Amino acid sequence: MGIGHDAAVNVTARAVWYIESHLSGDLSLEAVASAVGVSRFHLSRAFGVTLGCGLALYVRARRLSQAARTLVDGAPDIVTVALDAGYSSHEAFTRAFRQHFGVTPDEVRERAHAGGLGLQEPFSMNDANTLTMAPPQIVRHDALLIFGIGQRYHQSNAGIPSQWDRFVPYLGSIEGQVDNVTYGVICNTDDAGSIEYICGVQVREFPAQPTEFARVRIPSQTYAVFQHKEHVASVNATWQAIWNHGLSSAKLQATDGPAFERYGPQFDGRTGLGGLEIWIPIKA
């Protein structure tokens, strides 16, 4: 049973379908990305921004939940359940099961019900993001030095507005600041779906103060530049649309590197209006 690469079909929806129909197979990030037809970096970002968790965490939760249901049904051999869930031994399975649910597989089998376990249900992608997007502009940009406040986000990125609130008082007083454009840089992603987000400005060279500020050098790169014209509060919908169908519809391939939001002079930080640009590094 194959999977199509139709750009009109949401990347995350394709990944969820593949995971659900291959739960006992190889569901590494590389394997799922290959089946979906995008890079592992692209899939990791699409999955994380759309579903709020990393692909590996979702796969683990789904397999353990399926195992719990099998145990509730009275599975006679826990080793077989462990192998079906992707674990090489009873001990490794029990350790992961207890860590996830707070009880052992034997206890679940004995009590014969799944109440209170918090099983991970399959994600429903019926309401997949279908935001209509204008084709991106392709831009080549020189290297950037971004200096500002960095914070790591694992699942929810709800802390980003308050992160900006902490950074705004520094605007105009950072040594070597190039202009009045601000950047929200997404970098240092991992396979678990977490990201580092840096609120910053471009500088000529990294200043010594404040010492706690994050520093990121973004190399010279070709970008797909997407417009977000609505209120900044809805920017996550645009990010989802970009990763799920905007890039593939434009037949562009993202590269593994910092992407960023660019807030130009037209953006009003007081009202959240004025629009912004989202820059995604792509293969030239």
C-alpha atoms as a PDB file:
ATOM      1  CA  MET A   1       0.000   0.000   0.000  1.00  0.00           C
ATOM      2  CA  GLY A   2       1.757   3.158  -1.185  1.00  0.00           C
ATOM      3  CA  ILE A   3       1.404   6.797  -0.321  1.00  0.00           C
ATOM      4  CA  GLY A   4       0.972   9.577  -2.820  1.00  0.00           C
ATOM      5  CA  HIS A   5       3.052  12.733  -2.964  1.00  0.00           C
ATOM      6  CA  ASP A   6       0.188  15.000  -4.040  1.00  0.00           C
ATOM      7  CA  ALA A   7       1.144  18.508  -2.866  1.00  0.00           C
ATOM      8  CA  ALA A   8      -2.520  19.251  -2.130  1.00  0.00           C
ATOM      9  CA  VAL A   9      -2.433  16.697   0.679  1.00  0.00           C
ATOM     10  CA  ASN A  10      -1.136  18.027   3.966  1.00  0.00           C
ATOM     11  CA  VAL A  11       2.396  16.762   4.766  1.00  0.00           C
ATOM     12  CA  THR A  12       1.483  16.052   8.399  1.00  0.00           C
ATOM     13  CA  ALA A  13      -1.724  14.275   7.354  1.00  0.00           C
ATOM     14  CA  ARG A  14       0.327  12.027   5.054  1.00  0.00           C
ATOM     15  CA  ALA A  15       2.767  11.310   7.875  1.00  0.00           C
ATOM     16  CA  VAL A  16      -0.010  10.462  10.354  1.00  0.00           C
ATOM     17  CA  TRP A  17      -1.619   8.142   7.805  1.00  0.00           C
ATOM     18  CA  TYR A  18       1.696   6.385   7.203  1.00  0.00           C
ATOM     19  CA  ILE A  19       2.393   6.014  10.936  1.00  0.00           C
ATOM     20  CA  GLU A  20      -1.065   4.645  11.672  1.00  0.00           C
ATOM     21  CA  SER A  21      -0.871   2.126   8.838  1.00  0.00           C
ATOM     22  CA  HIS A  22       2.675   0.989   9.696  1.00  0.00           C
ATOM     23  CA  LEU A  23       2.702   0.969  13.508  1.00  0.00           C
ATOM     24  CA  SER A  24       4.650  -2.296  13.635  1.00  0.00           C
ATOM     25  CA  GLY A  25       7.211  -1.211  11.031  1.00  0.00           C
ATOM     26  CA  ASP A  26      10.140   1.184  10.803  1.00  0.00           C
ATOM     27  CA  LEU A  27       8.828   4.571  11.922  1.00  0.00           C
ATOM     28  CA  SER A  28      12.068   6.453  12.316  1.00  0.00           C
ATOM     29  CA  LEU A  29      11.999  10.084  11.214  1.00  0.00           C
ATOM     30  CA  GLU A  30      14.056   9.118   8.162  1.00  0.00           C
ATOM     31  CA  ALA A  31      11.682   6.310   7.173  1.00  0.00           C
ATOM     32  CA  VAL A  32       8.513   8.373   7.509  1.00  0.00           C
ATOM     33  CA  ALA A  33      10.056  11.370   5.730  1.00  0.00           C
ATOM     34  CA  SER A  34      11.086   9.107   2.845  1.00  0.00           C
ATOM     35  CA  ALA A  35       7.574   7.679   2.585  1.00  0.00           C
ATOM     36  CA  VAL A  36       5.999  11.145   2.668  1.00  0.00           C
ATOM     37  CA  GLY A  37       8.480  12.547   0.145  1.00  0.00           C
ATOM     38  CA  VAL A  38      10.095  15.365   2.134  1.00  0.00           C
ATOM     39  CA  SER A  39      13.348  15.819   4.045  1.00  0.00           C
ATOM     40  CA  ARG A  40      13.583  14.720   7.676  1.00  0.00           C
ATOM     41  CA  PHE A  41      14.061  18.386   8.641  1.00  0.00           C
ATOM     42  CA  HIS A  42      10.899  19.401   6.751  1.00  0.00           C
ATOM     43  CA  LEU A  43       8.839  16.613   8.328  1.00  0.00           C
ATOM     44  CA  SER A  44      10.138  17.355  11.806  1.00  0.00           C
ATOM     45  CA  ARG A  45       9.087  21.012  11.520  1.00  0.00           C
ATOM     46  CA  ALA A  46       5.734  20.227   9.889  1.00  0.00           C
ATOM     47  CA  PHE A  47       4.863  17.659  12.536  1.00  0.00           C
ATOM     48  CA  GLY A  48       5.992  19.785  15.458  1.00  0.00           C
ATOM     49  CA  VAL A  49       4.306  23.032  14.402  1.00  0.00           C
ATOM     50  CA  THR A  50       1.054  21.276  13.462  1.00  0.00           C
ATOM     51  CA  LEU A  51       0.636  18.766  16.279  1.00  0.00           C
ATOM     52  CA  GLY A  52       2.706  20.289  19.067  1.00  0.00           C
ATOM     53  CA  CYS A  53       4.894  17.246  19.662  1.00  0.00           C
ATOM     54  CA  GLY A  54       7.761  15.468  17.991  1.00  0.00           C
ATOM     55  CA  LEU A  55       7.153  12.578  15.617  1.00  0.00           C
ATOM     56  CA  ALA A  56       9.167  10.156  17.766  1.00  0.00           C
ATOM     57  CA  LEU A  57       7.115  11.027  20.852  1.00  0.00           C
ATOM     58  CA  TYR A  58       3.873  10.499  18.950  1.00  0.00           C
ATOM     59  CA  VAL A  59       5.023   7.126  17.610  1.00  0.00           C
ATOM     60  CA  ARG A  60       6.105   6.019  21.082  1.00  0.00           C
ATOM     61  CA  ALA A  61       2.801   7.070  22.651  1.00  0.00           C
ATOM     62  CA  ARG A  62       0.741   5.389  19.914  1.00  0.00           C
ATOM     63  CA  ARG A  63       2.654   2.110  20.148  1.00  0.00           C
ATOM     64  CA  LEU A  64       2.426   2.001  23.939  1.00  0.00           C
ATOM     65  CA  SER A  65      -1.284   2.826  23.776  1.00  0.00           C
ATOM     66  CA  GLN A  66      -1.869  -0.009  21.323  1.00  0.00           C
ATOM     67  CA  ALA A  67       0.119  -2.286  23.614  1.00  0.00           C
ATOM     68  CA  ALA A  68      -2.023  -1.234  26.587  1.00  0.00           C
ATOM     69  CA  ARG A  69      -5.200  -2.135  24.698  1.00  0.00           C
ATOM     70  CA  THR A  70      -3.735  -5.539  23.821  1.00  0.00           C
ATOM     71  CA  LEU A  71      -2.909  -6.133  27.472  1.00  0.00           C
ATOM     72  CA  VAL A  72      -6.402  -5.092  28.562  1.00  0.00           C
ATOM     73  CA  ASP A  73      -7.737  -7.735  26.174  1.00  0.00           C
ATOM     74  CA  GLY A  74      -5.715 -10.326  28.090  1.00  0.00           C
ATOM     75  CA  ALA A  75      -2.629 -10.866  25.918  1.00  0.00           C
ATOM     76  CA  PRO A  76      -1.011 -14.085  27.222  1.00  0.00           C
ATOM     77  CA  ASP A  77       2.562 -13.209  26.238  1.00  0.00           C
ATOM     78  CA  ILE A  78       3.956  -9.807  27.235  1.00  0.00           C
ATOM     79  CA  VAL A  79       7.173 -10.445  25.314  1.00  0.00           C
ATOM     80  CA  THR A  80       5.182 -10.642  22.064  1.00  0.00           C
ATOM     81  CA  VAL A  81       3.398  -7.393  22.956  1.00  0.00           C
ATOM     82  CA  ALA A  82       6.784  -5.802  23.658  1.00  0.00           C
ATOM     83  CA  LEU A  83       8.199  -6.901  20.299  1.00  0.00           C
ATOM     84  CA  ASP A  84       5.129  -5.659  18.450  1.00  0.00           C
ATOM     85  CA  ALA A  85       5.582  -2.284  20.161  1.00  0.00           C
ATOM     86  CA  GLY A  86       9.180  -2.071  18.965  1.00  0.00           C
ATOM     87  CA  TYR A  87      10.985  -3.129  22.148  1.00  0.00           C
ATOM     88  CA  SER A  88      13.651  -5.833  22.160  1.00  0.00           C
ATOM     89  CA  SER A  89      12.964  -7.199  25.650  1.00  0.00           C
ATOM     90  CA  HIS A  90      10.343  -7.504  28.368  1.00  0.00           C
ATOM     91  CA  GLU A  91      12.485  -5.298  30.619  1.00  0.00           C
ATOM     92  CA  ALA A  92      12.851  -2.443  28.130  1.00  0.00           C
ATOM     93  CA  PHE A  93       9.129  -2.526  27.367  1.00  0.00           C
ATOM     94  CA  THR A  94       8.163  -2.562  31.057  1.00  0.00           C
ATOM     95  CA  ARG A  95      10.480   0.369  31.777  1.00  0.00           C
ATOM     96  CA  ALA A  96       9.042   2.462  28.939  1.00  0.00           C
ATOM     97  CA  PHE A  97       5.454   1.456  29.766  1.00  0.00           C
ATOM     98  CA  ARG A  98       5.818   2.384  33.438  1.00  0.00           C
ATOM     99  CA  GLN A  99       7.502   5.681  32.557  1.00  0.00           C
ATOM    100  CA  HIS A 100       4.663   6.572  30.178  1.00  0.00           C
ATOM    101  CA  PHE A 101       1.621   5.337  32.114  1.00  0.00           C
ATOM    102  CA  GLY A 102       2.824   5.072  35.728  1.00  0.00           C
ATOM    103  CA  VAL A 103       1.926   1.361  35.967  1.00  0.00           C
ATOM    104  CA  THR A 104       3.461  -1.868  34.679  1.00  0.00           C
ATOM    105  CA  PRO A 105       2.164  -3.974  31.780  1.00  0.00           C
ATOM    106  CA  ASP A 106       1.371  -6.804  34.216  1.00  0.00           C
ATOM    107  CA  GLU A 107      -0.776  -4.493  36.331  1.00  0.00           C
ATOM    108  CA  VAL A 108      -2.772  -3.341  33.294  1.00  0.00           C
ATOM    109  CA  ARG A 109      -3.328  -6.917  32.151  1.00  0.00           C
ATOM    110  CA  GLU A 110      -4.473  -7.954  35.621  1.00  0.00           C
ATOM    111  CA  ARG A 111      -6.981  -5.125  36.057  1.00  0.00           C
ATOM    112  CA  ALA A 112      -8.297  -5.619  32.476  1.00  0.00           C
ATOM    113  CA  HIS A 113      -9.276  -2.012  31.815  1.00  0.00           C
ATOM    114  CA  ALA A 114      -7.537   1.096  30.463  1.00  0.00           C
ATOM    115  CA  GLY A 115      -9.243   3.647  32.685  1.00  0.00           C
ATOM    116  CA  GLY A 116      -6.986   6.508  33.759  1.00  0.00           C
ATOM    117  CA  LEU A 117      -4.102   5.578  31.452  1.00  0.00           C
ATOM    118  CA  GLY A 118      -4.461   8.571  29.151  1.00  0.00           C
ATOM    119  CA  LEU A 119      -4.064   6.611  25.944  1.00  0.00           C
ATOM    120  CA  GLN A 120      -2.813   8.449  22.870  1.00  0.00           C
ATOM    121  CA  GLU A 121      -5.510   8.346  20.203  1.00  0.00           C
ATOM    122  CA  PRO A 122      -4.633   8.771  16.532  1.00  0.00           C
ATOM    123  CA  PHE A 123      -4.487  12.409  15.511  1.00  0.00           C
ATOM    124  CA  SER A 124      -7.425  13.337  13.331  1.00  0.00           C
ATOM    125  CA  MET A 125      -6.296  15.330  10.311  1.00  0.00           C
ATOM    126  CA  ASN A 126      -9.789  15.983   8.943  1.00  0.00           C
ATOM    127  CA  ASP A 127      -9.356  19.661   9.763  1.00  0.00           C
ATOM    128  CA  ALA A 128      -5.884  19.911   8.259  1.00  0.00           C
ATOM    129  CA  ASN A 129      -4.717  23.431   7.532  1.00  0.00           C
ATOM    130  CA  THR A 130      -5.979  24.544   4.109  1.00  0.00           C
ATOM    131  CA  LEU A 131      -4.995  28.213   4.320  1.00  0.00           C
ATOM    132  CA  THR A 132      -4.599  29.599   0.806  1.00  0.00           C
ATOM    133  CA  MET A 133      -1.117  31.009   0.286  1.00  0.00           C
ATOM    134  CA  ALA A 134       0.377  33.250  -2.365  1.00  0.00           C
ATOM    135  CA  PRO A 135       3.479  31.783  -4.013  1.00  0.00           C
ATOM    136  CA  PRO A 136       6.650  32.757  -2.149  1.00  0.00           C
ATOM    137  CA  GLN A 137       9.265  35.162  -3.422  1.00  0.00           C
ATOM    138  CA  ILE A 138      12.691  33.566  -3.924  1.00  0.00           C
ATOM    139  CA  VAL A 139      15.441  35.717  -2.401  1.00  0.00           C
ATOM    140  CA  ARG A 140      19.193  35.328  -1.990  1.00  0.00           C
ATOM    141  CA  HIS A 141      20.424  37.003   1.201  1.00  0.00           C
ATOM    142  CA  ASP A 142      23.844  37.636   2.680  1.00  0.00           C
ATOM    143  CA  ALA A 143      24.852  36.242   6.063  1.00  0.00           C
ATOM    144  CA  LEU A 144      23.118  37.665   9.145  1.00  0.00           C
ATOM    145  CA  LEU A 145      24.319  38.017  12.728  1.00  0.00           C
ATOM    146  CA  ILE A 146      21.303  37.950  15.070  1.00  0.00           C
ATOM    147  CA  PHE A 147      21.627  38.936  18.715  1.00  0.00           C
ATOM    148  CA  GLY A 148      18.798  38.710  21.259  1.00  0.00           C
ATOM    149  CA  ILE A 149      16.879  36.696  23.821  1.00  0.00           C
ATOM    150  CA  GLY A 150      16.709  32.952  23.198  1.00  0.00           C
ATOM    151  CA  GLN A 151      14.394  30.369  24.714  1.00  0.00           C
ATOM    152  CA  ARG A 152      13.832  26.676  24.047  1.00  0.00           C
ATOM    153  CA  TYR A 153      10.325  25.345  23.402  1.00  0.00           C
ATOM    154  CA  HIS A 154       9.480  21.647  23.577  1.00  0.00           C
ATOM    155  CA  GLN A 155       5.758  21.426  22.857  1.00  0.00           C
ATOM    156  CA  SER A 156       3.821  24.637  23.366  1.00  0.00           C
ATOM    157  CA  ASN A 157       5.304  27.884  22.056  1.00  0.00           C
ATOM    158  CA  ALA A 158       2.818  29.967  24.042  1.00  0.00           C
ATOM    159  CA  GLY A 159       5.687  31.780  25.785  1.00  0.00           C
ATOM    160  CA  ILE A 160       6.866  33.567  22.632  1.00  0.00           C
ATOM    161  CA  PRO A 161       4.759  36.758  23.121  1.00  0.00           C
ATOM    162  CA  SER A 162       6.144  37.234  26.648  1.00  0.00           C
ATOM    163  CA  GLN A 163       9.638  36.561  25.293  1.00  0.00           C
ATOM    164  CA  TRP A 164       9.154  39.461  22.872  1.00  0.00           C
ATOM    165  CA  ASP A 165       7.863  41.591  25.736  1.00  0.00           C
ATOM    166  CA  ARG A 166      11.157  41.013  27.566  1.00  0.00           C
ATOM    167  CA  PHE A 167      13.194  41.859  24.484  1.00  0.00           C
ATOM    168  CA  VAL A 168      11.448  45.026  23.229  1.00  0.00           C
ATOM    169  CA  PRO A 169      12.955  47.343  25.914  1.00  0.00           C
ATOM    170  CA  TYR A 170      16.416  46.621  24.482  1.00  0.00           C
ATOM    171  CA  LEU A 171      15.541  47.862  20.989  1.00  0.00           C
ATOM    172  CA  GLY A 172      17.610  50.850  19.935  1.00  0.00           C
ATOM    173  CA  SER A 173      20.207  50.347  22.656  1.00  0.00           C
ATOM    174  CA  ILE A 174      22.007  47.249  21.349  1.00  0.00           C
ATOM    175  CA  GLU A 175      25.540  48.043  20.246  1.00  0.00           C
ATOM    176  CA  GLY A 176      26.006  47.646  16.504  1.00  0.00           C
ATOM    177  CA  GLN A 177      22.304  47.222  15.720  1.00  0.00           C
ATOM    178  CA  VAL A 178      21.944  47.496  11.930  1.00  0.00           C
ATOM    179  CA  ASP A 179      18.400  48.844  11.480  1.00  0.00           C
ATOM    180  CA  ASN A 180      14.959  48.826  13.074  1.00  0.00           C
ATOM    181  CA  VAL A 181      13.995  45.398  11.701  1.00  0.00           C
ATOM    182  CA  THR A 182      13.479  42.619  14.250  1.00  0.00           C
ATOM    183  CA  TYR A 183      13.779  38.867  13.747  1.00  0.00           C
ATOM    184  CA  GLY A 184      12.199  35.807  15.306  1.00  0.00           C
ATOM    185  CA  VAL A 185      14.679  33.040  14.482  1.00  0.00           C
ATOM    186  CA  ILE A 186      13.811  29.345  14.704  1.00  0.00           C
ATOM    187  CA  CYS A 187      16.979  27.283  15.023  1.00  0.00           C
ATOM    188  CA  ASN A 188      18.658  24.329  16.743  1.00  0.00           C
ATOM    189  CA  THR A 189      15.731  21.998  16.095  1.00  0.00           C
ATOM    190  CA  ASP A 190      15.892  18.366  17.179  1.00  0.00           C
ATOM    191  CA  ASP A 191      14.158  15.127  16.273  1.00  0.00           C
ATOM    192  CA  ALA A 192      11.884  15.428  19.312  1.00  0.00           C
ATOM    193  CA  GLY A 193      10.332  18.529  17.758  1.00  0.00           C
ATOM    194  CA  SER A 194      11.766  21.132  20.114  1.00  0.00           C
ATOM    195  CA  ILE A 195      13.143  24.429  18.813  1.00  0.00           C
ATOM    196  CA  GLU A 196      15.133  27.410  19.999  1.00  0.00           C
ATOM    197  CA  TYR A 197      13.397  30.722  19.290  1.00  0.00           C
ATOM    198  CA  ILE A 198      15.470  33.919  19.348  1.00  0.00           C
ATOM    199  CA  CYS A 199      13.924  37.392  19.455  1.00  0.00           C
ATOM    200  CA  GLY A 200      16.659  39.571  18.077  1.00  0.00           C
ATOM    201  CA  VAL A 201      18.079  42.208  15.783  1.00  0.00           C
ATOM    202  CA  GLN A 202      20.802  42.165  13.168  1.00  0.00           C
ATOM    203  CA  VAL A 203      24.172  43.407  14.417  1.00  0.00           C
ATOM    204  CA  ARG A 204      27.455  44.193  12.639  1.00  0.00           C
ATOM    205  CA  GLU A 205      29.325  42.035  15.118  1.00  0.00           C
ATOM    206  CA  PHE A 206      28.243  40.373  18.336  1.00  0.00           C
ATOM    207  CA  PRO A 207      28.461  42.805  21.274  1.00  0.00           C
ATOM    208  CA  ALA A 208      29.757  41.729  24.663  1.00  0.00           C
ATOM    209  CA  GLN A 209      26.612  42.835  26.525  1.00  0.00           C
ATOM    210  CA  PRO A 210      24.161  41.609  27.619  1.00  0.00           C
ATOM    211  CA  THR A 211      26.188  38.454  28.236  1.00  0.00           C
ATOM    212  CA  GLU A 212      23.060  36.290  28.608  1.00  0.00           C
ATOM    213  CA  PHE A 213      21.812  37.092  25.086  1.00  0.00           C
ATOM    214  CA  ALA A 214      21.806  34.410  22.414  1.00  0.00           C
ATOM    215  CA  ARG A 215      23.925  34.707  19.294  1.00  0.00           C
ATOM    216  CA  VAL A 216      23.254  33.028  15.948  1.00  0.00           C
ATOM    217  CA  ARG A 217      25.076  33.398  12.648  1.00  0.00           C
ATOM    218  CA  ILE A 218      22.807  32.692   9.694  1.00  0.00           C
ATOM    219  CA  PRO A 219      24.872  31.906   6.578  1.00  0.00           C
ATOM    220  CA  SER A 220      24.370  33.367   3.136  1.00  0.00           C
ATOM    221  CA  GLN A 221      21.364  31.500   1.829  1.00  0.00           C
ATOM    222  CA  THR A 222      18.545  31.279  -0.705  1.00  0.00           C
ATOM    223  CA  TYR A 223      15.095  31.684   0.856  1.00  0.00           C
ATOM    224  CA  ALA A 224      11.434  31.229   0.067  1.00  0.00           C
ATOM    225  CA  VAL A 225       9.772  34.332   1.516  1.00  0.00           C
ATOM    226  CA  PHE A 226       6.101  33.987   2.484  1.00  0.00           C
ATOM    227  CA  GLN A 227       3.848  36.873   3.514  1.00  0.00           C
ATOM    228  CA  HIS A 228       1.747  36.864   6.689  1.00  0.00           C
ATOM    229  CA  LYS A 229      -0.635  39.812   6.396  1.00  0.00           C
ATOM    230  CA  GLU A 230      -3.022  39.057   9.272  1.00  0.00           C
ATOM    231  CA  HIS A 231      -2.650  39.763  12.985  1.00  0.00           C
ATOM    232  CA  VAL A 232       0.537  38.313  14.430  1.00  0.00           C
ATOM    233  CA  ALA A 233      -1.526  36.102  16.782  1.00  0.00           C
ATOM    234  CA  SER A 234      -2.453  33.907  13.797  1.00  0.00           C
ATOM    235  CA  VAL A 235       1.118  33.451  12.537  1.00  0.00           C
ATOM    236  CA  ASN A 236       1.199  29.805  13.614  1.00  0.00           C
ATOM    237  CA  ALA A 237      -1.483  29.028  11.013  1.00  0.00           C
ATOM    238  CA  THR A 238       0.811  30.427   8.329  1.00  0.00           C
ATOM    239  CA  TRP A 239       3.746  28.384   9.623  1.00  0.00           C
ATOM    240  CA  GLN A 240       1.564  25.261   9.487  1.00  0.00           C
ATOM    241  CA  ALA A 241       0.444  26.050   5.949  1.00  0.00           C
ATOM    242  CA  ILE A 242       4.039  26.625   4.809  1.00  0.00           C
ATOM    243  CA  TRP A 243       5.325  23.328   6.167  1.00  0.00           C
ATOM    244  CA  ASN A 244       2.256  21.304   5.239  1.00  0.00           C
ATOM    245  CA  HIS A 245       1.652  22.468   1.677  1.00  0.00           C
ATOM    246  CA  GLY A 246       3.183  25.882   0.870  1.00  0.00           C
ATOM    247  CA  LEU A 247       6.670  24.598   0.073  1.00  0.00           C
ATOM    248  CA  SER A 248       5.589  21.442  -1.707  1.00  0.00           C
ATOM    249  CA  SER A 249       2.984  23.306  -3.785  1.00  0.00           C
ATOM    250  CA  ALA A 250       5.760  25.640  -4.955  1.00  0.00           C
ATOM    251  CA  LYS A 251       7.985  22.590  -5.619  1.00  0.00           C
ATOM    252  CA  LEU A 252      10.603  23.864  -3.185  1.00  0.00           C
ATOM    253  CA  GLN A 253      12.761  21.828  -0.809  1.00  0.00           C
ATOM    254  CA  ALA A 254      13.641  23.242   2.597  1.00  0.00           C
ATOM    255  CA  THR A 255      17.186  22.894   3.881  1.00  0.00           C
ATOM    256  CA  ASP A 256      18.241  22.256   7.463  1.00  0.00           C
ATOM    257  CA  GLY A 257      19.034  25.714   8.812  1.00  0.00           C
ATOM    258  CA  PRO A 258      17.579  28.678  10.683  1.00  0.00           C
ATOM    259  CA  ALA A 259      14.240  29.985   9.421  1.00  0.00           C
ATOM    260  CA  PHE A 260      12.943  33.302  10.663  1.00  0.00           C
ATOM    261  CA  GLU A 261      10.135  35.796  10.951  1.00  0.00           C
ATOM    262  CA  ARG A 262      11.107  39.261   9.728  1.00  0.00           C
ATOM    263  CA  TYR A 263       9.250  42.185  11.307  1.00  0.00           C
ATOM    264  CA  GLY A 264       9.833  45.274   9.168  1.00  0.00           C
ATOM    265  CA  PRO A 265       9.073  48.955   9.904  1.00  0.00           C
ATOM    266  CA  GLN A 266       5.446  48.448   8.878  1.00  0.00           C
ATOM    267  CA  PHE A 267       4.822  46.059  11.782  1.00  0.00           C
ATOM    268  CA  ASP A 268       3.159  47.663  14.818  1.00  0.00           C
ATOM    269  CA  GLY A 269       4.252  45.845  17.958  1.00  0.00           C
ATOM    270  CA  ARG A 270       1.559  47.608  19.987  1.00  0.00           C
ATOM    271  CA  THR A 271      -1.391  46.366  17.912  1.00  0.00           C
ATOM    272  CA  GLY A 272       0.144  43.249  16.335  1.00  0.00           C
ATOM    273  CA  LEU A 273      -0.872  44.511  12.891  1.00  0.00           C
ATOM    274  CA  GLY A 274       1.111  45.430   9.802  1.00  0.00           C
ATOM    275  CA  GLY A 275       2.188  41.987   8.688  1.00  0.00           C
ATOM    276  CA  LEU A 276       5.497  40.177   8.598  1.00  0.00           C
ATOM    277  CA  GLU A 277       7.546  37.886   6.388  1.00  0.00           C
ATOM    278  CA  ILE A 278       8.513  34.263   6.979  1.00  0.00           C
ATOM    279  CA  TRP A 279      11.843  33.262   5.459  1.00  0.00           C
ATOM    280  CA  ILE A 280      12.519  29.543   4.865  1.00  0.00           C
ATOM    281  CA  PRO A 281      15.970  28.389   3.672  1.00  0.00           C
ATOM    282  CA  ILE A 282      15.678  26.309   0.507  1.00  0.00           C
ATOM    283  CA  LYS A 283      17.864  24.456  -1.943  1.00  0.00           C
ATOM    284  CA  ALA A 284      18.870  26.824  -4.722  1.00  0.00           C
END
